[in-house]
Amino acid sequence: MTYITAARFPRDRFHEDEALQLRADQVQHHLKNIALDVGLDPALNVIRTETDNEVRIGISEYMDQYYREAPGAWRHY
């Protein structure tokens, strides 16, 4: 499955900064909750991955498309 990056954090800072880890957890938790709100499986639609340079939180293409077309605001600031 392909995922769209919803948030990204520098890998070196992520592993050293507890506040940044907490923020990433909050973003991921929020995305999982909004997936649940519309009946999507959070385990299949929200993912955290690590590359050489970044830690990324992504949402499935389906979830991205669904929320692009859904009315209202779903972003977490």
PDB file of N, CA and C in Angstrom:
ATOM      1  N   MET A   1       0.843  -1.171   0.000  1.00  0.00           N
ATOM      2  CA  MET A   1       0.000   0.000   0.000  1.00  0.00           C
ATOM      3  C   MET A   1       0.890   1.237   0.000  1.00  0.00           C
ATOM      4  N   THR A   2       0.445   2.257  -0.670  1.00  0.00           N
ATOM      5  CA  THR A   2       1.172   3.518  -0.743  1.00  0.00           C
ATOM      6  C   THR A   2       0.615   4.483   0.296  1.00  0.00           C
ATOM      7  N   TYR A   3       1.514   5.222   0.933  1.00  0.00           N
ATOM      8  CA  TYR A   3       1.114   6.176   1.964  1.00  0.00           C
ATOM      9  C   TYR A   3       1.561   7.575   1.581  1.00  0.00           C
ATOM     10  N   ILE A   4       0.760   8.553   1.980  1.00  0.00           N
ATOM     11  CA  ILE A   4       1.053   9.968   1.764  1.00  0.00           C
ATOM     12  C   ILE A   4       1.629  10.512   3.076  1.00  0.00           C
ATOM     13  N   THR A   5       2.745  11.205   3.000  1.00  0.00           N
ATOM     14  CA  THR A   5       3.362  11.750   4.204  1.00  0.00           C
ATOM     15  C   THR A   5       2.509  12.881   4.762  1.00  0.00           C
ATOM     16  N   ALA A   6       2.119  12.729   6.030  1.00  0.00           N
ATOM     17  CA  ALA A   6       1.323  13.749   6.711  1.00  0.00           C
ATOM     18  C   ALA A   6       2.189  14.575   7.659  1.00  0.00           C
ATOM     19  N   ALA A   7       3.275  13.982   8.153  1.00  0.00           N
ATOM     20  CA  ALA A   7       4.207  14.692   9.040  1.00  0.00           C
ATOM     21  C   ALA A   7       5.582  14.052   8.901  1.00  0.00           C
ATOM     22  N   ARG A   8       6.599  14.868   9.048  1.00  0.00           N
ATOM     23  CA  ARG A   8       7.969  14.350   8.983  1.00  0.00           C
ATOM     24  C   ARG A   8       8.836  15.089   9.993  1.00  0.00           C
ATOM     25  N   PHE A   9       9.789  14.343  10.528  1.00  0.00           N
ATOM     26  CA  PHE A   9      10.672  14.870  11.564  1.00  0.00           C
ATOM     27  C   PHE A   9      12.098  14.435  11.243  1.00  0.00           C
ATOM     28  N   PRO A  10      13.094  15.305  11.465  1.00  0.00           N
ATOM     29  CA  PRO A  10      14.488  14.902  11.254  1.00  0.00           C
ATOM     30  C   PRO A  10      14.825  13.731  12.182  1.00  0.00           C
ATOM     31  N   ARG A  11      15.385  12.690  11.627  1.00  0.00           N
ATOM     32  CA  ARG A  11      15.636  11.461  12.391  1.00  0.00           C
ATOM     33  C   ARG A  11      16.570  11.686  13.580  1.00  0.00           C
ATOM     34  N   ASP A  12      17.657  12.407  13.370  1.00  0.00           N
ATOM     35  CA  ASP A  12      18.612  12.606  14.460  1.00  0.00           C
ATOM     36  C   ASP A  12      17.983  13.386  15.611  1.00  0.00           C
ATOM     37  N   ARG A  13      17.211  14.426  15.308  1.00  0.00           N
ATOM     38  CA  ARG A  13      16.538  15.199  16.359  1.00  0.00           C
ATOM     39  C   ARG A  13      15.443  14.379  17.023  1.00  0.00           C
ATOM     40  N   PHE A  14      14.748  13.575  16.233  1.00  0.00           N
ATOM     41  CA  PHE A  14      13.640  12.777  16.759  1.00  0.00           C
ATOM     42  C   PHE A  14      14.102  11.865  17.882  1.00  0.00           C
ATOM     43  N   HIS A  15      15.222  11.204  17.692  1.00  0.00           N
ATOM     44  CA  HIS A  15      15.705  10.249  18.676  1.00  0.00           C
ATOM     45  C   HIS A  15      16.337  10.913  19.903  1.00  0.00           C
ATOM     46  N   GLU A  16      16.621  12.210  19.822  1.00  0.00           N
ATOM     47  CA  GLU A  16      17.235  12.922  20.935  1.00  0.00           C
ATOM     48  C   GLU A  16      16.265  13.819  21.691  1.00  0.00           C
ATOM     49  N   ASP A  17      15.143  14.164  21.089  1.00  0.00           N
ATOM     50  CA  ASP A  17      14.238  15.171  21.644  1.00  0.00           C
ATOM     51  C   ASP A  17      12.911  14.531  22.060  1.00  0.00           C
ATOM     52  N   GLU A  18      12.700  14.409  23.364  1.00  0.00           N
ATOM     53  CA  GLU A  18      11.477  13.784  23.869  1.00  0.00           C
ATOM     54  C   GLU A  18      10.234  14.588  23.504  1.00  0.00           C
ATOM     55  N   ALA A  19      10.349  15.906  23.453  1.00  0.00           N
ATOM     56  CA  ALA A  19       9.215  16.751  23.081  1.00  0.00           C
ATOM     57  C   ALA A  19       8.800  16.478  21.635  1.00  0.00           C
ATOM     58  N   LEU A  20       9.776  16.267  20.771  1.00  0.00           N
ATOM     59  CA  LEU A  20       9.488  15.965  19.371  1.00  0.00           C
ATOM     60  C   LEU A  20       8.841  14.585  19.253  1.00  0.00           C
ATOM     61  N   GLN A  21       9.295  13.634  20.031  1.00  0.00           N
ATOM     62  CA  GLN A  21       8.682  12.304  20.049  1.00  0.00           C
ATOM     63  C   GLN A  21       7.238  12.380  20.529  1.00  0.00           C
ATOM     64  N   LEU A  22       6.993  13.179  21.545  1.00  0.00           N
ATOM     65  CA  LEU A  22       5.638  13.366  22.056  1.00  0.00           C
ATOM     66  C   LEU A  22       4.748  13.989  20.995  1.00  0.00           C
ATOM     67  N   ARG A  23       5.271  14.976  20.297  1.00  0.00           N
ATOM     68  CA  ARG A  23       4.494  15.636  19.232  1.00  0.00           C
ATOM     69  C   ARG A  23       4.150  14.638  18.128  1.00  0.00           C
ATOM     70  N   ALA A  24       5.096  13.818  17.746  1.00  0.00           N
ATOM     71  CA  ALA A  24       4.851  12.799  16.719  1.00  0.00           C
ATOM     72  C   ALA A  24       3.782  11.819  17.190  1.00  0.00           C
ATOM     73  N   ASP A  25       3.858  11.427  18.450  1.00  0.00           N
ATOM     74  CA  ASP A  25       2.848  10.526  19.009  1.00  0.00           C
ATOM     75  C   ASP A  25       1.461  11.165  18.975  1.00  0.00           C
ATOM     76  N   GLN A  26       1.395  12.459  19.281  1.00  0.00           N
ATOM     77  CA  GLN A  26       0.116  13.164  19.264  1.00  0.00           C
ATOM     78  C   GLN A  26      -0.460  13.228  17.848  1.00  0.00           C
ATOM     79  N   VAL A  27       0.375  13.523  16.880  1.00  0.00           N
ATOM     80  CA  VAL A  27      -0.077  13.591  15.492  1.00  0.00           C
ATOM     81  C   VAL A  27      -0.578  12.217  15.045  1.00  0.00           C
ATOM     82  N   GLN A  28       0.188  11.178  15.339  1.00  0.00           N
ATOM     83  CA  GLN A  28      -0.198   9.835  14.933  1.00  0.00           C
ATOM     84  C   GLN A  28      -1.496   9.413  15.635  1.00  0.00           C
ATOM     85  N   HIS A  29      -1.623   9.721  16.903  1.00  0.00           N
ATOM     86  CA  HIS A  29      -2.834   9.393  17.659  1.00  0.00           C
ATOM     87  C   HIS A  29      -4.046  10.110  17.046  1.00  0.00           C
ATOM     88  N   HIS A  30      -3.884  11.380  16.701  1.00  0.00           N
ATOM     89  CA  HIS A  30      -4.957  12.154  16.084  1.00  0.00           C
ATOM     90  C   HIS A  30      -5.386  11.530  14.750  1.00  0.00           C
ATOM     91  N   LEU A  31      -4.424  11.167  13.934  1.00  0.00           N
ATOM     92  CA  LEU A  31      -4.744  10.560  12.642  1.00  0.00           C
ATOM     93  C   LEU A  31      -5.457   9.222  12.812  1.00  0.00           C
ATOM     94  N   LYS A  32      -5.035   8.440  13.800  1.00  0.00           N
ATOM     95  CA  LYS A  32      -5.715   7.167  14.068  1.00  0.00           C
ATOM     96  C   LYS A  32      -7.145   7.399  14.523  1.00  0.00           C
ATOM     97  N   ASN A  33      -7.359   8.419  15.353  1.00  0.00           N
ATOM     98  CA  ASN A  33      -8.713   8.719  15.815  1.00  0.00           C
ATOM     99  C   ASN A  33      -9.624   9.161  14.680  1.00  0.00           C
ATOM    100  N   ILE A  34      -9.106   9.974  13.775  1.00  0.00           N
ATOM    101  CA  ILE A  34      -9.984  10.396  12.677  1.00  0.00           C
ATOM    102  C   ILE A  34     -10.245   9.248  11.707  1.00  0.00           C
ATOM    103  N   ALA A  35      -9.320   8.310  11.598  1.00  0.00           N
ATOM    104  CA  ALA A  35      -9.590   7.110  10.802  1.00  0.00           C
ATOM    105  C   ALA A  35     -10.740   6.326  11.436  1.00  0.00           C
ATOM    106  N   LEU A  36     -10.686   6.163  12.743  1.00  0.00           N
ATOM    107  CA  LEU A  36     -11.751   5.449  13.453  1.00  0.00           C
ATOM    108  C   LEU A  36     -13.095   6.151  13.316  1.00  0.00           C
ATOM    109  N   ASP A  37     -13.084   7.477  13.301  1.00  0.00           N
ATOM    110  CA  ASP A  37     -14.329   8.249  13.211  1.00  0.00           C
ATOM    111  C   ASP A  37     -15.148   7.910  11.977  1.00  0.00           C
ATOM    112  N   VAL A  38     -14.469   7.512  10.911  1.00  0.00           N
ATOM    113  CA  VAL A  38     -15.201   7.194   9.673  1.00  0.00           C
ATOM    114  C   VAL A  38     -15.178   5.703   9.350  1.00  0.00           C
ATOM    115  N   GLY A  39     -14.740   4.900  10.322  1.00  0.00           N
ATOM    116  CA  GLY A  39     -14.783   3.453  10.150  1.00  0.00           C
ATOM    117  C   GLY A  39     -13.601   2.844   9.425  1.00  0.00           C
ATOM    118  N   LEU A  40     -12.485   3.562   9.331  1.00  0.00           N
ATOM    119  CA  LEU A  40     -11.283   3.007   8.716  1.00  0.00           C
ATOM    120  C   LEU A  40     -10.424   2.327   9.773  1.00  0.00           C
ATOM    121  N   ASP A  41      -9.727   1.290   9.398  1.00  0.00           N
ATOM    122  CA  ASP A  41      -8.832   0.585  10.313  1.00  0.00           C
ATOM    123  C   ASP A  41      -7.553   1.405  10.466  1.00  0.00           C
ATOM    124  N   PRO A  42      -7.294   1.927  11.668  1.00  0.00           N
ATOM    125  CA  PRO A  42      -6.095   2.753  11.864  1.00  0.00           C
ATOM    126  C   PRO A  42      -4.798   2.010  11.563  1.00  0.00           C
ATOM    127  N   ALA A  43      -4.763   0.723  11.842  1.00  0.00           N
ATOM    128  CA  ALA A  43      -3.544  -0.053  11.602  1.00  0.00           C
ATOM    129  C   ALA A  43      -3.207  -0.130  10.113  1.00  0.00           C
ATOM    130  N   LEU A  44      -4.210  -0.045   9.273  1.00  0.00           N
ATOM    131  CA  LEU A  44      -3.988  -0.119   7.829  1.00  0.00           C
ATOM    132  C   LEU A  44      -3.877   1.254   7.174  1.00  0.00           C
ATOM    133  N   ASN A  45      -4.323   2.289   7.858  1.00  0.00           N
ATOM    134  CA  ASN A  45      -4.405   3.608   7.227  1.00  0.00           C
ATOM    135  C   ASN A  45      -3.471   4.663   7.809  1.00  0.00           C
ATOM    136  N   VAL A  46      -2.800   4.367   8.919  1.00  0.00           N
ATOM    137  CA  VAL A  46      -1.839   5.308   9.523  1.00  0.00           C
ATOM    138  C   VAL A  46      -0.578   4.520   9.854  1.00  0.00           C
ATOM    139  N   ILE A  47       0.562   5.036   9.412  1.00  0.00           N
ATOM    140  CA  ILE A  47       1.820   4.306   9.598  1.00  0.00           C
ATOM    141  C   ILE A  47       2.942   5.274   9.950  1.00  0.00           C
ATOM    142  N   ARG A  48       3.896   4.784  10.724  1.00  0.00           N
ATOM    143  CA  ARG A  48       5.116   5.546  11.031  1.00  0.00           C
ATOM    144  C   ARG A  48       6.282   4.768  10.443  1.00  0.00           C
ATOM    145  N   THR A  49       7.111   5.442   9.659  1.00  0.00           N
ATOM    146  CA  THR A  49       8.279   4.801   9.064  1.00  0.00           C
ATOM    147  C   THR A  49       9.517   5.654   9.321  1.00  0.00           C
ATOM    148  N   GLU A  50      10.659   5.012   9.220  1.00  0.00           N
ATOM    149  CA  GLU A  50      11.941   5.685   9.390  1.00  0.00           C
ATOM    150  C   GLU A  50      12.767   5.492   8.138  1.00  0.00           C
ATOM    151  N   THR A  51      13.323   6.571   7.633  1.00  0.00           N
ATOM    152  CA  THR A  51      14.266   6.505   6.529  1.00  0.00           C
ATOM    153  C   THR A  51      15.644   6.862   7.097  1.00  0.00           C
ATOM    154  N   ASP A  52      16.615   6.987   6.230  1.00  0.00           N
ATOM    155  CA  ASP A  52      17.950   7.375   6.694  1.00  0.00           C
ATOM    156  C   ASP A  52      17.956   8.753   7.348  1.00  0.00           C
ATOM    157  N   ASN A  53      17.079   9.654   6.877  1.00  0.00           N
ATOM    158  CA  ASN A  53      17.105  11.041   7.340  1.00  0.00           C
ATOM    159  C   ASN A  53      15.890  11.458   8.160  1.00  0.00           C
ATOM    160  N   GLU A  54      14.770  10.748   8.026  1.00  0.00           N
ATOM    161  CA  GLU A  54      13.520  11.233   8.599  1.00  0.00           C
ATOM    162  C   GLU A  54      12.725  10.131   9.285  1.00  0.00           C
ATOM    163  N   VAL A  55      11.857  10.577  10.188  1.00  0.00           N
ATOM    164  CA  VAL A  55      10.790   9.747  10.721  1.00  0.00           C
ATOM    165  C   VAL A  55       9.522  10.342  10.123  1.00  0.00           C
ATOM    166  N   ARG A  56       8.723   9.508   9.468  1.00  0.00           N
ATOM    167  CA  ARG A  56       7.539   9.993   8.767  1.00  0.00           C
ATOM    168  C   ARG A  56       6.284   9.327   9.308  1.00  0.00           C
ATOM    169  N   ILE A  57       5.224  10.106   9.363  1.00  0.00           N
ATOM    170  CA  ILE A  57       3.903   9.578   9.667  1.00  0.00           C
ATOM    171  C   ILE A  57       3.099   9.758   8.390  1.00  0.00           C
ATOM    172  N   GLY A  58       2.511   8.668   7.933  1.00  0.00           N
ATOM    173  CA  GLY A  58       1.779   8.721   6.683  1.00  0.00           C
ATOM    174  C   GLY A  58       0.373   8.175   6.822  1.00  0.00           C
ATOM    175  N   ILE A  59      -0.461   8.570   5.879  1.00  0.00           N
ATOM    176  CA  ILE A  59      -1.821   8.043   5.795  1.00  0.00           C
ATOM    177  C   ILE A  59      -1.977   7.377   4.433  1.00  0.00           C
ATOM    178  N   SER A  60      -2.870   6.409   4.373  1.00  0.00           N
ATOM    179  CA  SER A  60      -3.087   5.687   3.120  1.00  0.00           C
ATOM    180  C   SER A  60      -3.637   6.626   2.053  1.00  0.00           C
ATOM    181  N   GLU A  61      -3.433   6.261   0.811  1.00  0.00           N
ATOM    182  CA  GLU A  61      -3.975   7.055  -0.287  1.00  0.00           C
ATOM    183  C   GLU A  61      -5.490   7.155  -0.177  1.00  0.00           C
ATOM    184  N   TYR A  62      -6.127   6.062   0.235  1.00  0.00           N
ATOM    185  CA  TYR A  62      -7.580   6.062   0.370  1.00  0.00           C
ATOM    186  C   TYR A  62      -8.025   7.079   1.426  1.00  0.00           C
ATOM    187  N   MET A  63      -7.354   7.076   2.585  1.00  0.00           N
ATOM    188  CA  MET A  63      -7.708   8.010   3.657  1.00  0.00           C
ATOM    189  C   MET A  63      -7.460   9.445   3.208  1.00  0.00           C
ATOM    190  N   ASP A  64      -6.358   9.681   2.527  1.00  0.00           N
ATOM    191  CA  ASP A  64      -6.048  11.009   2.005  1.00  0.00           C
ATOM    192  C   ASP A  64      -7.146  11.481   1.058  1.00  0.00           C
ATOM    193  N   GLN A  65      -7.538  10.632   0.146  1.00  0.00           N
ATOM    194  CA  GLN A  65      -8.578  10.994  -0.816  1.00  0.00           C
ATOM    195  C   GLN A  65      -9.904  11.237  -0.110  1.00  0.00           C
ATOM    196  N   TYR A  66     -10.242  10.373   0.827  1.00  0.00           N
ATOM    197  CA  TYR A  66     -11.497  10.514   1.562  1.00  0.00           C
ATOM    198  C   TYR A  66     -11.569  11.882   2.239  1.00  0.00           C
ATOM    199  N   TYR A  67     -10.514  12.264   2.948  1.00  0.00           N
ATOM    200  CA  TYR A  67     -10.542  13.535   3.666  1.00  0.00           C
ATOM    201  C   TYR A  67     -10.373  14.741   2.769  1.00  0.00           C
ATOM    202  N   ARG A  68      -9.773  14.592   1.628  1.00  0.00           N
ATOM    203  CA  ARG A  68      -9.705  15.715   0.680  1.00  0.00           C
ATOM    204  C   ARG A  68     -11.092  16.053   0.174  1.00  0.00           C
ATOM    205  N   GLU A  69     -11.944  15.027   0.045  1.00  0.00           N
ATOM    206  CA  GLU A  69     -13.287  15.231  -0.494  1.00  0.00           C
ATOM    207  C   GLU A  69     -14.336  15.454   0.585  1.00  0.00           C
ATOM    208  N   ALA A  70     -14.019  15.140   1.839  1.00  0.00           N
ATOM    209  CA  ALA A  70     -14.983  15.277   2.935  1.00  0.00           C
ATOM    210  C   ALA A  70     -15.135  16.754   3.327  1.00  0.00           C
ATOM    211  N   PRO A  71     -16.337  17.140   3.713  1.00  0.00           N
ATOM    212  CA  PRO A  71     -16.527  18.538   4.165  1.00  0.00           C
ATOM    213  C   PRO A  71     -15.922  18.721   5.558  1.00  0.00           C
ATOM    214  N   GLY A  72     -15.616  19.960   5.882  1.00  0.00           N
ATOM    215  CA  GLY A  72     -15.114  20.273   7.216  1.00  0.00           C
ATOM    216  C   GLY A  72     -13.608  20.227   7.300  1.00  0.00           C
ATOM    217  N   ALA A  73     -13.104  20.504   8.485  1.00  0.00           N
ATOM    218  CA  ALA A  73     -11.663  20.532   8.715  1.00  0.00           C
ATOM    219  C   ALA A  73     -11.262  19.344   9.564  1.00  0.00           C
ATOM    220  N   TRP A  74     -10.208  18.654   9.194  1.00  0.00           N
ATOM    221  CA  TRP A  74      -9.754  17.492   9.961  1.00  0.00           C
ATOM    222  C   TRP A  74      -8.291  17.606  10.362  1.00  0.00           C
ATOM    223  N   ARG A  75      -7.643  18.665   9.978  1.00  0.00           N
ATOM    224  CA  ARG A  75      -6.223  18.793  10.307  1.00  0.00           C
ATOM    225  C   ARG A  75      -6.018  19.152  11.767  1.00  0.00           C
ATOM    226  N   HIS A  76      -4.903  18.725  12.333  1.00  0.00           N
ATOM    227  CA  HIS A  76      -4.559  18.951  13.736  1.00  0.00           C
ATOM    228  C   HIS A  76      -3.385  19.907  13.795  1.00  0.00           C
ATOM    229  N   TYR A  77      -3.572  21.037  14.443  1.00  0.00           N
ATOM    230  CA  TYR A  77      -2.492  22.031  14.514  1.00  0.00           C
ATOM    231  C   TYR A  77      -2.004  22.179  15.911  1.00  0.00           C
TER     232      TYR A  77
END
